[in-house]
Amino acid sequence: MERIRRSLAIAALLFAAHAGLAPRPGEAGELAWHLARERDGIVVHTRPVEGSGIREFRGSALVAAPPDAIRALLRDADRFRDWFPNTSESRLLSRRGEIAYQYSVLDAPWPVSDRDNVLRSETSIDSATGRVSIRIVAAPDEFPEQPGRVRVRRARGEWLLEPVGAAQTRVTFTMHLEPGGGVPDWLIDARVVGTPFEALTNLRAALAGR
């Protein structure tokens, strides 16, 4: 009887796979993360995104600062260009409570046009644990398009700040961004590992000198 049950189960799985009914990795956006770089206490993972040629990244590091100090730096749009990679311009467009809109310009190598983006961020804080989540999504129509720049229309991500002891925070930065405008996916994908690594390195340095 056990052998019959096993045979029926295998047959059902084979039929489902043949009919396209078997679950596929990533159907619900849950493709596996792969380690891409680990250095100086910064760990970067990437994973493919269905329907996109550009990988999503996740960078994580311990930062010697409390969540409030890190959150204050992330909220400071004027300082954003001083530490975030390849950013030549940044400014706050509006803020209402924990929802903000920020404009920034990403330098692109010649002859590719610079990209600009408008990001909507929403902050939530767990008062019991001190955990801070800043969710980010593209809001391309919240600011007029600028001459000579290509507007990023697809982006989503999160800054996650988790307290570790009295004066340390585990910072995790996740992002998937598509710059559009005909830039080859391989060119953008080449920065997928470098961007979170440099961002977290610079974030540490900026907070050390706060």
C-alpha atoms as a PDB file:
ATOM      1  CA  MET A   1       0.000   0.000   0.000  1.00  0.00           C
ATOM      2  CA  GLU A   2       2.828   2.427   0.888  1.00  0.00           C
ATOM      3  CA  ARG A   3       4.483   1.702  -2.470  1.00  0.00           C
ATOM      4  CA  ILE A   4       1.215   2.508  -4.275  1.00  0.00           C
ATOM      5  CA  ARG A   5       0.823   5.816  -2.395  1.00  0.00           C
ATOM      6  CA  ARG A   6       4.392   6.774  -3.264  1.00  0.00           C
ATOM      7  CA  SER A   7       3.864   5.925  -6.929  1.00  0.00           C
ATOM      8  CA  LEU A   8       0.680   7.979  -7.054  1.00  0.00           C
ATOM      9  CA  ALA A   9       2.419  10.959  -5.424  1.00  0.00           C
ATOM     10  CA  ILE A  10       5.283  10.829  -7.931  1.00  0.00           C
ATOM     11  CA  ALA A  11       2.822  10.533 -10.814  1.00  0.00           C
ATOM     12  CA  ALA A  12       0.895  13.563  -9.550  1.00  0.00           C
ATOM     13  CA  LEU A  13       4.077  15.651  -9.331  1.00  0.00           C
ATOM     14  CA  LEU A  14       5.120  14.656 -12.826  1.00  0.00           C
ATOM     15  CA  PHE A  15       1.695  15.527 -14.186  1.00  0.00           C
ATOM     16  CA  ALA A  16       1.715  18.901 -12.436  1.00  0.00           C
ATOM     17  CA  ALA A  17       5.156  19.738 -13.799  1.00  0.00           C
ATOM     18  CA  HIS A  18       4.132  18.688 -17.304  1.00  0.00           C
ATOM     19  CA  ALA A  19       0.965  20.763 -17.079  1.00  0.00           C
ATOM     20  CA  GLY A  20       2.842  23.790 -15.737  1.00  0.00           C
ATOM     21  CA  LEU A  21       1.175  23.511 -12.343  1.00  0.00           C
ATOM     22  CA  ALA A  22       4.212  22.704 -10.228  1.00  0.00           C
ATOM     23  CA  PRO A  23       5.433  25.618  -8.131  1.00  0.00           C
ATOM     24  CA  ARG A  24       8.399  27.446  -9.635  1.00  0.00           C
ATOM     25  CA  PRO A  25      11.078  29.283  -7.644  1.00  0.00           C
ATOM     26  CA  GLY A  26      10.337  32.985  -7.502  1.00  0.00           C
ATOM     27  CA  GLU A  27       6.697  32.825  -8.579  1.00  0.00           C
ATOM     28  CA  ALA A  28       5.894  34.960  -5.539  1.00  0.00           C
ATOM     29  CA  GLY A  29       9.084  37.012  -5.755  1.00  0.00           C
ATOM     30  CA  GLU A  30      10.989  34.606  -3.522  1.00  0.00           C
ATOM     31  CA  LEU A  31      13.970  33.699  -5.677  1.00  0.00           C
ATOM     32  CA  ALA A  32      17.022  32.633  -3.686  1.00  0.00           C
ATOM     33  CA  TRP A  33      19.661  35.123  -2.570  1.00  0.00           C
ATOM     34  CA  HIS A  34      23.288  34.469  -3.584  1.00  0.00           C
ATOM     35  CA  LEU A  35      26.358  35.764  -1.780  1.00  0.00           C
ATOM     36  CA  ALA A  36      28.145  38.272  -4.030  1.00  0.00           C
ATOM     37  CA  ARG A  37      30.687  39.951  -1.719  1.00  0.00           C
ATOM     38  CA  GLU A  38      31.779  39.770   1.913  1.00  0.00           C
ATOM     39  CA  ARG A  39      34.445  42.204   3.068  1.00  0.00           C
ATOM     40  CA  ASP A  40      35.089  44.605   5.955  1.00  0.00           C
ATOM     41  CA  GLY A  41      32.043  43.249   7.755  1.00  0.00           C
ATOM     42  CA  ILE A  42      29.756  44.137   4.834  1.00  0.00           C
ATOM     43  CA  VAL A  43      27.827  41.301   3.215  1.00  0.00           C
ATOM     44  CA  VAL A  44      26.150  41.739  -0.169  1.00  0.00           C
ATOM     45  CA  HIS A  45      23.676  39.269  -1.642  1.00  0.00           C
ATOM     46  CA  THR A  46      21.913  39.477  -4.993  1.00  0.00           C
ATOM     47  CA  ARG A  47      19.063  37.625  -6.624  1.00  0.00           C
ATOM     48  CA  PRO A  48      17.329  37.699  -9.998  1.00  0.00           C
ATOM     49  CA  VAL A  49      13.992  39.443 -10.388  1.00  0.00           C
ATOM     50  CA  GLU A  50      11.369  37.888 -12.592  1.00  0.00           C
ATOM     51  CA  GLY A  51      10.802  39.894 -15.763  1.00  0.00           C
ATOM     52  CA  SER A  52      13.958  41.974 -15.284  1.00  0.00           C
ATOM     53  CA  GLY A  53      17.534  41.639 -16.475  1.00  0.00           C
ATOM     54  CA  ILE A  54      18.782  43.514 -13.415  1.00  0.00           C
ATOM     55  CA  ARG A  55      19.341  41.784 -10.090  1.00  0.00           C
ATOM     56  CA  GLU A  56      18.018  42.940  -6.746  1.00  0.00           C
ATOM     57  CA  PHE A  57      20.665  43.560  -4.076  1.00  0.00           C
ATOM     58  CA  ARG A  58      20.756  43.290  -0.303  1.00  0.00           C
ATOM     59  CA  GLY A  59      23.656  44.735   1.653  1.00  0.00           C
ATOM     60  CA  SER A  60      24.048  44.299   5.397  1.00  0.00           C
ATOM     61  CA  ALA A  61      26.546  45.617   7.945  1.00  0.00           C
ATOM     62  CA  LEU A  62      26.964  46.491  11.605  1.00  0.00           C
ATOM     63  CA  VAL A  63      27.240  50.255  12.091  1.00  0.00           C
ATOM     64  CA  ALA A  64      28.636  51.830  15.265  1.00  0.00           C
ATOM     65  CA  ALA A  65      25.716  54.198  15.818  1.00  0.00           C
ATOM     66  CA  PRO A  66      22.211  53.959  17.269  1.00  0.00           C
ATOM     67  CA  PRO A  67      19.205  53.731  14.908  1.00  0.00           C
ATOM     68  CA  ASP A  68      18.154  57.333  15.595  1.00  0.00           C
ATOM     69  CA  ALA A  69      21.481  58.692  14.335  1.00  0.00           C
ATOM     70  CA  ILE A  70      21.330  56.546  11.193  1.00  0.00           C
ATOM     71  CA  ARG A  71      17.730  57.494  10.562  1.00  0.00           C
ATOM     72  CA  ALA A  72      18.614  61.186  10.891  1.00  0.00           C
ATOM     73  CA  LEU A  73      21.314  60.809   8.235  1.00  0.00           C
ATOM     74  CA  LEU A  74      18.978  58.931   5.885  1.00  0.00           C
ATOM     75  CA  ARG A  75      16.370  61.685   6.306  1.00  0.00           C
ATOM     76  CA  ASP A  76      18.879  64.441   5.475  1.00  0.00           C
ATOM     77  CA  ALA A  77      18.361  64.823   1.720  1.00  0.00           C
ATOM     78  CA  ASP A  78      21.004  67.561   1.448  1.00  0.00           C
ATOM     79  CA  ARG A  79      23.711  65.214   2.794  1.00  0.00           C
ATOM     80  CA  PHE A  80      22.606  62.281   0.650  1.00  0.00           C
ATOM     81  CA  ARG A  81      24.892  63.272  -2.240  1.00  0.00           C
ATOM     82  CA  ASP A  82      27.876  63.396   0.136  1.00  0.00           C
ATOM     83  CA  TRP A  83      27.842  59.665   0.846  1.00  0.00           C
ATOM     84  CA  PHE A  84      25.555  57.785  -1.545  1.00  0.00           C
ATOM     85  CA  PRO A  85      27.470  56.467  -4.592  1.00  0.00           C
ATOM     86  CA  ASN A  86      27.306  58.320  -7.924  1.00  0.00           C
ATOM     87  CA  THR A  87      24.901  60.967  -6.636  1.00  0.00           C
ATOM     88  CA  SER A  88      25.571  64.520  -7.857  1.00  0.00           C
ATOM     89  CA  GLU A  89      22.390  66.194  -6.621  1.00  0.00           C
ATOM     90  CA  SER A  90      19.754  65.506  -3.986  1.00  0.00           C
ATOM     91  CA  ARG A  91      17.047  67.438  -2.219  1.00  0.00           C
ATOM     92  CA  LEU A  92      13.866  66.971  -0.234  1.00  0.00           C
ATOM     93  CA  LEU A  93      10.700  67.735  -2.173  1.00  0.00           C
ATOM     94  CA  SER A  94       8.195  67.317   0.637  1.00  0.00           C
ATOM     95  CA  ARG A  95       7.620  65.631   3.956  1.00  0.00           C
ATOM     96  CA  ARG A  96       4.373  64.925   5.757  1.00  0.00           C
ATOM     97  CA  GLY A  97       4.797  62.941   8.934  1.00  0.00           C
ATOM     98  CA  GLU A  98       6.726  59.781   8.102  1.00  0.00           C
ATOM     99  CA  ILE A  99       6.156  60.042   4.332  1.00  0.00           C
ATOM    100  CA  ALA A 100       8.708  61.949   2.263  1.00  0.00           C
ATOM    101  CA  TYR A 101       9.556  62.560  -1.392  1.00  0.00           C
ATOM    102  CA  GLN A 102      13.176  63.050  -2.404  1.00  0.00           C
ATOM    103  CA  TYR A 103      14.722  64.006  -5.745  1.00  0.00           C
ATOM    104  CA  SER A 104      18.235  62.897  -6.691  1.00  0.00           C
ATOM    105  CA  VAL A 105      20.465  62.661  -9.752  1.00  0.00           C
ATOM    106  CA  LEU A 106      22.606  59.617 -10.559  1.00  0.00           C
ATOM    107  CA  ASP A 107      25.760  60.251 -12.574  1.00  0.00           C
ATOM    108  CA  ALA A 108      26.102  57.970 -15.592  1.00  0.00           C
ATOM    109  CA  PRO A 109      29.268  57.372 -17.637  1.00  0.00           C
ATOM    110  CA  TRP A 110      29.498  59.139 -20.992  1.00  0.00           C
ATOM    111  CA  PRO A 111      27.748  58.850 -23.422  1.00  0.00           C
ATOM    112  CA  VAL A 112      24.833  57.616 -21.256  1.00  0.00           C
ATOM    113  CA  SER A 113      22.518  60.372 -19.987  1.00  0.00           C
ATOM    114  CA  ASP A 114      22.343  60.980 -16.253  1.00  0.00           C
ATOM    115  CA  ARG A 115      19.366  59.430 -14.476  1.00  0.00           C
ATOM    116  CA  ASP A 116      17.188  61.216 -11.966  1.00  0.00           C
ATOM    117  CA  ASN A 117      14.646  59.761  -9.639  1.00  0.00           C
ATOM    118  CA  VAL A 118      11.903  60.721  -7.262  1.00  0.00           C
ATOM    119  CA  LEU A 119      11.600  58.302  -4.375  1.00  0.00           C
ATOM    120  CA  ARG A 120       8.740  58.062  -1.927  1.00  0.00           C
ATOM    121  CA  SER A 121       9.831  56.813   1.487  1.00  0.00           C
ATOM    122  CA  GLU A 122       7.666  55.757   4.388  1.00  0.00           C
ATOM    123  CA  THR A 123       9.126  55.155   7.841  1.00  0.00           C
ATOM    124  CA  SER A 124       7.707  52.858  10.478  1.00  0.00           C
ATOM    125  CA  ILE A 125       9.164  52.305  13.946  1.00  0.00           C
ATOM    126  CA  ASP A 126       8.535  49.392  16.276  1.00  0.00           C
ATOM    127  CA  SER A 127       8.447  51.040  19.693  1.00  0.00           C
ATOM    128  CA  ALA A 128       8.933  47.716  21.465  1.00  0.00           C
ATOM    129  CA  THR A 129      12.136  46.682  19.664  1.00  0.00           C
ATOM    130  CA  GLY A 130      13.429  49.987  18.258  1.00  0.00           C
ATOM    131  CA  ARG A 131      13.433  48.454  14.779  1.00  0.00           C
ATOM    132  CA  VAL A 132      13.126  51.053  11.996  1.00  0.00           C
ATOM    133  CA  SER A 133      11.903  50.274   8.481  1.00  0.00           C
ATOM    134  CA  ILE A 134      12.126  52.853   5.687  1.00  0.00           C
ATOM    135  CA  ARG A 135      10.348  51.538   2.608  1.00  0.00           C
ATOM    136  CA  ILE A 136      11.160  53.150  -0.728  1.00  0.00           C
ATOM    137  CA  VAL A 137       9.299  53.160  -4.024  1.00  0.00           C
ATOM    138  CA  ALA A 138       9.649  55.169  -7.230  1.00  0.00           C
ATOM    139  CA  ALA A 139       7.220  58.081  -7.610  1.00  0.00           C
ATOM    140  CA  PRO A 140       8.327  59.386 -11.024  1.00  0.00           C
ATOM    141  CA  ASP A 141       5.381  61.705 -11.626  1.00  0.00           C
ATOM    142  CA  GLU A 142       5.706  63.654  -8.371  1.00  0.00           C
ATOM    143  CA  PHE A 143       8.232  66.086  -9.896  1.00  0.00           C
ATOM    144  CA  PRO A 144       8.550  67.474 -13.455  1.00  0.00           C
ATOM    145  CA  GLU A 145      11.019  65.709 -15.736  1.00  0.00           C
ATOM    146  CA  GLN A 146      14.250  67.655 -16.205  1.00  0.00           C
ATOM    147  CA  PRO A 147      16.022  68.364 -19.523  1.00  0.00           C
ATOM    148  CA  GLY A 148      19.009  66.141 -20.275  1.00  0.00           C
ATOM    149  CA  ARG A 149      18.046  63.573 -17.655  1.00  0.00           C
ATOM    150  CA  VAL A 150      16.181  60.277 -17.929  1.00  0.00           C
ATOM    151  CA  ARG A 151      13.634  59.663 -15.188  1.00  0.00           C
ATOM    152  CA  VAL A 152      13.833  56.356 -13.300  1.00  0.00           C
ATOM    153  CA  ARG A 153      10.349  54.910 -13.326  1.00  0.00           C
ATOM    154  CA  ARG A 154      10.808  51.591 -11.514  1.00  0.00           C
ATOM    155  CA  ALA A 155      12.455  51.249  -8.108  1.00  0.00           C
ATOM    156  CA  ARG A 156      11.622  49.664  -4.777  1.00  0.00           C
ATOM    157  CA  GLY A 157      13.666  49.000  -1.680  1.00  0.00           C
ATOM    158  CA  GLU A 158      14.071  49.315   2.050  1.00  0.00           C
ATOM    159  CA  TRP A 159      16.459  50.510   4.728  1.00  0.00           C
ATOM    160  CA  LEU A 160      16.103  48.305   7.801  1.00  0.00           C
ATOM    161  CA  LEU A 161      17.711  49.427  11.078  1.00  0.00           C
ATOM    162  CA  GLU A 162      17.851  46.870  13.883  1.00  0.00           C
ATOM    163  CA  PRO A 163      19.432  47.802  17.241  1.00  0.00           C
ATOM    164  CA  VAL A 164      22.258  45.562  18.426  1.00  0.00           C
ATOM    165  CA  GLY A 165      23.242  46.584  21.938  1.00  0.00           C
ATOM    166  CA  ALA A 166      23.396  50.171  23.135  1.00  0.00           C
ATOM    167  CA  ALA A 167      25.286  51.838  20.286  1.00  0.00           C
ATOM    168  CA  GLN A 168      25.318  49.435  17.348  1.00  0.00           C
ATOM    169  CA  THR A 169      22.813  48.836  14.579  1.00  0.00           C
ATOM    170  CA  ARG A 170      22.441  46.155  11.965  1.00  0.00           C
ATOM    171  CA  VAL A 171      21.735  48.091   8.755  1.00  0.00           C
ATOM    172  CA  THR A 172      20.243  46.217   5.809  1.00  0.00           C
ATOM    173  CA  PHE A 173      19.773  48.004   2.492  1.00  0.00           C
ATOM    174  CA  THR A 174      17.678  46.277  -0.173  1.00  0.00           C
ATOM    175  CA  MET A 175      16.940  47.691  -3.623  1.00  0.00           C
ATOM    176  CA  HIS A 176      15.857  46.856  -7.150  1.00  0.00           C
ATOM    177  CA  LEU A 177      16.052  49.713  -9.655  1.00  0.00           C
ATOM    178  CA  GLU A 178      15.614  49.853 -13.417  1.00  0.00           C
ATOM    179  CA  PRO A 179      17.054  53.030 -14.965  1.00  0.00           C
ATOM    180  CA  GLY A 180      15.295  52.673 -18.328  1.00  0.00           C
ATOM    181  CA  GLY A 181      16.232  54.697 -21.353  1.00  0.00           C
ATOM    182  CA  GLY A 182      17.984  51.943 -23.271  1.00  0.00           C
ATOM    183  CA  VAL A 183      20.964  51.420 -20.935  1.00  0.00           C
ATOM    184  CA  PRO A 184      22.187  47.824 -21.376  1.00  0.00           C
ATOM    185  CA  ASP A 185      21.148  45.612 -18.468  1.00  0.00           C
ATOM    186  CA  TRP A 186      24.705  44.271 -18.155  1.00  0.00           C
ATOM    187  CA  LEU A 187      26.043  47.793 -17.559  1.00  0.00           C
ATOM    188  CA  ILE A 188      23.591  48.484 -14.755  1.00  0.00           C
ATOM    189  CA  ASP A 189      23.876  44.971 -13.353  1.00  0.00           C
ATOM    190  CA  ALA A 190      27.635  45.509 -12.986  1.00  0.00           C
ATOM    191  CA  ARG A 191      26.882  48.137 -10.297  1.00  0.00           C
ATOM    192  CA  VAL A 192      24.486  45.931  -8.357  1.00  0.00           C
ATOM    193  CA  VAL A 193      27.214  44.677  -6.010  1.00  0.00           C
ATOM    194  CA  GLY A 194      29.243  47.885  -5.849  1.00  0.00           C
ATOM    195  CA  THR A 195      26.386  50.214  -4.925  1.00  0.00           C
ATOM    196  CA  PRO A 196      25.327  48.632  -1.590  1.00  0.00           C
ATOM    197  CA  PHE A 197      28.940  47.954  -0.613  1.00  0.00           C
ATOM    198  CA  GLU A 198      29.984  51.580  -1.220  1.00  0.00           C
ATOM    199  CA  ALA A 199      26.785  52.951   0.325  1.00  0.00           C
ATOM    200  CA  LEU A 200      27.314  51.062   3.579  1.00  0.00           C
ATOM    201  CA  THR A 201      31.040  51.884   3.639  1.00  0.00           C
ATOM    202  CA  ASN A 202      30.276  55.598   3.167  1.00  0.00           C
ATOM    203  CA  LEU A 203      27.413  55.477   5.652  1.00  0.00           C
ATOM    204  CA  ARG A 204      29.781  54.193   8.329  1.00  0.00           C
ATOM    205  CA  ALA A 205      32.286  56.938   7.547  1.00  0.00           C
ATOM    206  CA  ALA A 206      29.648  59.689   7.575  1.00  0.00           C
ATOM    207  CA  LEU A 207      28.333  58.559  10.956  1.00  0.00           C
ATOM    208  CA  ALA A 208      31.825  58.243  12.409  1.00  0.00           C
ATOM    209  CA  GLY A 209      32.353  61.940  11.732  1.00  0.00           C
ATOM    210  CA  ARG A 210      28.877  63.077  12.775  1.00  0.00           C
END
